[in-house]
Amino acid sequence: MSKTIRSVRHEALRMLIRDRRKAAGLTQAQLAKRLGRYQSYVAMIEGGELRIGVLEFLDIAKAIGFDPGLAIRNLGKIEEP
């Protein structure tokens, strides 16, 4: 199993979260509040410093308002070099 931090799929995941958050018109602080977390938590995810689990991803998707299943299917199509 390859490393997940800094992998192609991890980069795509963090960019997806950032892009969806911005498209929803949310700041990192607003998303963090919805999650019951600090802004630094969102910054660490978006900055690639923190790996998130499936349940955390589901919470993030719900807080932002996007379909996590579709996002996972799209991420699953990405091939690692």
C-alpha atoms as a PDB file:
ATOM      1  CA  MET A   1       0.000   0.000   0.000  1.00  0.00           C
ATOM      2  CA  SER A   2       1.354   3.395  -0.947  1.00  0.00           C
ATOM      3  CA  LYS A   3       1.479   6.485   1.226  1.00  0.00           C
ATOM      4  CA  THR A   4      -1.709   8.510   1.127  1.00  0.00           C
ATOM      5  CA  ILE A   5      -0.399  11.902   2.247  1.00  0.00           C
ATOM      6  CA  ARG A   6       0.859  13.798  -0.816  1.00  0.00           C
ATOM      7  CA  SER A   7      -0.401  11.086  -3.173  1.00  0.00           C
ATOM      8  CA  VAL A   8      -2.216  12.104  -6.339  1.00  0.00           C
ATOM      9  CA  ARG A   9      -5.572  11.059  -4.866  1.00  0.00           C
ATOM     10  CA  HIS A  10      -4.917  12.844  -1.578  1.00  0.00           C
ATOM     11  CA  GLU A  11      -4.109  16.023  -3.470  1.00  0.00           C
ATOM     12  CA  ALA A  12      -7.318  15.620  -5.501  1.00  0.00           C
ATOM     13  CA  LEU A  13      -9.329  15.068  -2.304  1.00  0.00           C
ATOM     14  CA  ARG A  14      -8.019  18.149  -0.569  1.00  0.00           C
ATOM     15  CA  MET A  15      -8.558  20.278  -3.682  1.00  0.00           C
ATOM     16  CA  LEU A  16     -12.085  18.894  -4.013  1.00  0.00           C
ATOM     17  CA  ILE A  17     -12.890  19.886  -0.429  1.00  0.00           C
ATOM     18  CA  ARG A  18     -11.388  23.348  -0.898  1.00  0.00           C
ATOM     19  CA  ASP A  19     -13.134  23.934  -4.218  1.00  0.00           C
ATOM     20  CA  ARG A  20     -16.520  22.709  -2.939  1.00  0.00           C
ATOM     21  CA  ARG A  21     -16.190  24.865   0.183  1.00  0.00           C
ATOM     22  CA  LYS A  22     -15.429  27.941  -1.894  1.00  0.00           C
ATOM     23  CA  ALA A  23     -18.215  27.180  -4.375  1.00  0.00           C
ATOM     24  CA  ALA A  24     -20.617  27.001  -1.422  1.00  0.00           C
ATOM     25  CA  GLY A  25     -19.459  30.471  -0.367  1.00  0.00           C
ATOM     26  CA  LEU A  26     -18.008  29.246   2.929  1.00  0.00           C
ATOM     27  CA  THR A  27     -14.835  30.384   4.638  1.00  0.00           C
ATOM     28  CA  GLN A  28     -12.640  27.897   6.438  1.00  0.00           C
ATOM     29  CA  ALA A  29     -13.917  29.329   9.722  1.00  0.00           C
ATOM     30  CA  GLN A  30     -17.561  28.881   8.699  1.00  0.00           C
ATOM     31  CA  LEU A  31     -16.981  25.282   7.661  1.00  0.00           C
ATOM     32  CA  ALA A  32     -15.074  24.604  10.859  1.00  0.00           C
ATOM     33  CA  LYS A  33     -17.970  25.979  12.906  1.00  0.00           C
ATOM     34  CA  ARG A  34     -20.404  23.666  11.112  1.00  0.00           C
ATOM     35  CA  LEU A  35     -18.098  20.758  11.934  1.00  0.00           C
ATOM     36  CA  GLY A  36     -17.610  21.797  15.558  1.00  0.00           C
ATOM     37  CA  ARG A  37     -13.877  22.212  14.930  1.00  0.00           C
ATOM     38  CA  TYR A  38     -11.311  24.987  14.793  1.00  0.00           C
ATOM     39  CA  GLN A  39     -10.442  26.787  11.555  1.00  0.00           C
ATOM     40  CA  SER A  40      -6.960  25.274  11.744  1.00  0.00           C
ATOM     41  CA  TYR A  41      -8.503  21.803  11.271  1.00  0.00           C
ATOM     42  CA  VAL A  42      -9.943  22.830   7.897  1.00  0.00           C
ATOM     43  CA  ALA A  43      -6.690  24.591   6.982  1.00  0.00           C
ATOM     44  CA  MET A  44      -4.693  21.444   7.763  1.00  0.00           C
ATOM     45  CA  ILE A  45      -6.990  19.320   5.575  1.00  0.00           C
ATOM     46  CA  GLU A  46      -6.878  21.769   2.691  1.00  0.00           C
ATOM     47  CA  GLY A  47      -3.135  22.229   3.102  1.00  0.00           C
ATOM     48  CA  GLY A  48      -2.512  18.507   2.855  1.00  0.00           C
ATOM     49  CA  GLU A  49      -1.150  18.199   6.368  1.00  0.00           C
ATOM     50  CA  LEU A  50      -3.959  16.026   7.702  1.00  0.00           C
ATOM     51  CA  ARG A  51      -5.415  12.800   6.379  1.00  0.00           C
ATOM     52  CA  ILE A  52      -9.138  12.387   6.960  1.00  0.00           C
ATOM     53  CA  GLY A  53     -11.133   9.202   7.368  1.00  0.00           C
ATOM     54  CA  VAL A  54     -14.335   8.207   5.627  1.00  0.00           C
ATOM     55  CA  LEU A  55     -16.592   9.362   8.464  1.00  0.00           C
ATOM     56  CA  GLU A  56     -14.866  12.739   8.606  1.00  0.00           C
ATOM     57  CA  PHE A  57     -15.258  13.063   4.841  1.00  0.00           C
ATOM     58  CA  LEU A  58     -18.982  12.335   5.145  1.00  0.00           C
ATOM     59  CA  ASP A  59     -19.307  15.051   7.810  1.00  0.00           C
ATOM     60  CA  ILE A  60     -17.433  17.529   5.623  1.00  0.00           C
ATOM     61  CA  ALA A  61     -19.575  16.718   2.579  1.00  0.00           C
ATOM     62  CA  LYS A  62     -22.753  17.193   4.613  1.00  0.00           C
ATOM     63  CA  ALA A  63     -21.517  20.478   6.100  1.00  0.00           C
ATOM     64  CA  ILE A  64     -20.657  21.831   2.653  1.00  0.00           C
ATOM     65  CA  GLY A  65     -23.618  20.267   0.870  1.00  0.00           C
ATOM     66  CA  PHE A  66     -22.246  17.942  -1.796  1.00  0.00           C
ATOM     67  CA  ASP A  67     -22.768  14.269  -2.669  1.00  0.00           C
ATOM     68  CA  PRO A  68     -19.937  12.302  -1.047  1.00  0.00           C
ATOM     69  CA  GLY A  69     -20.697   9.173  -3.088  1.00  0.00           C
ATOM     70  CA  LEU A  70     -20.208  10.939  -6.394  1.00  0.00           C
ATOM     71  CA  ALA A  71     -17.018  12.556  -5.129  1.00  0.00           C
ATOM     72  CA  ILE A  72     -15.614   9.183  -4.014  1.00  0.00           C
ATOM     73  CA  ARG A  73     -16.497   7.578  -7.361  1.00  0.00           C
ATOM     74  CA  ASN A  74     -14.627  10.348  -9.174  1.00  0.00           C
ATOM     75  CA  LEU A  75     -11.616  10.083  -6.847  1.00  0.00           C
ATOM     76  CA  GLY A  76     -11.601   6.315  -7.375  1.00  0.00           C
ATOM     77  CA  LYS A  77     -10.985   6.846 -11.082  1.00  0.00           C
ATOM     78  CA  ILE A  78      -7.689   8.629 -10.435  1.00  0.00           C
ATOM     79  CA  GLU A  79      -4.661   6.450 -11.068  1.00  0.00           C
ATOM     80  CA  GLU A  80      -1.503   6.760  -9.018  1.00  0.00           C
ATOM     81  CA  PRO A  81       1.720   6.941 -11.042  1.00  0.00           C
END
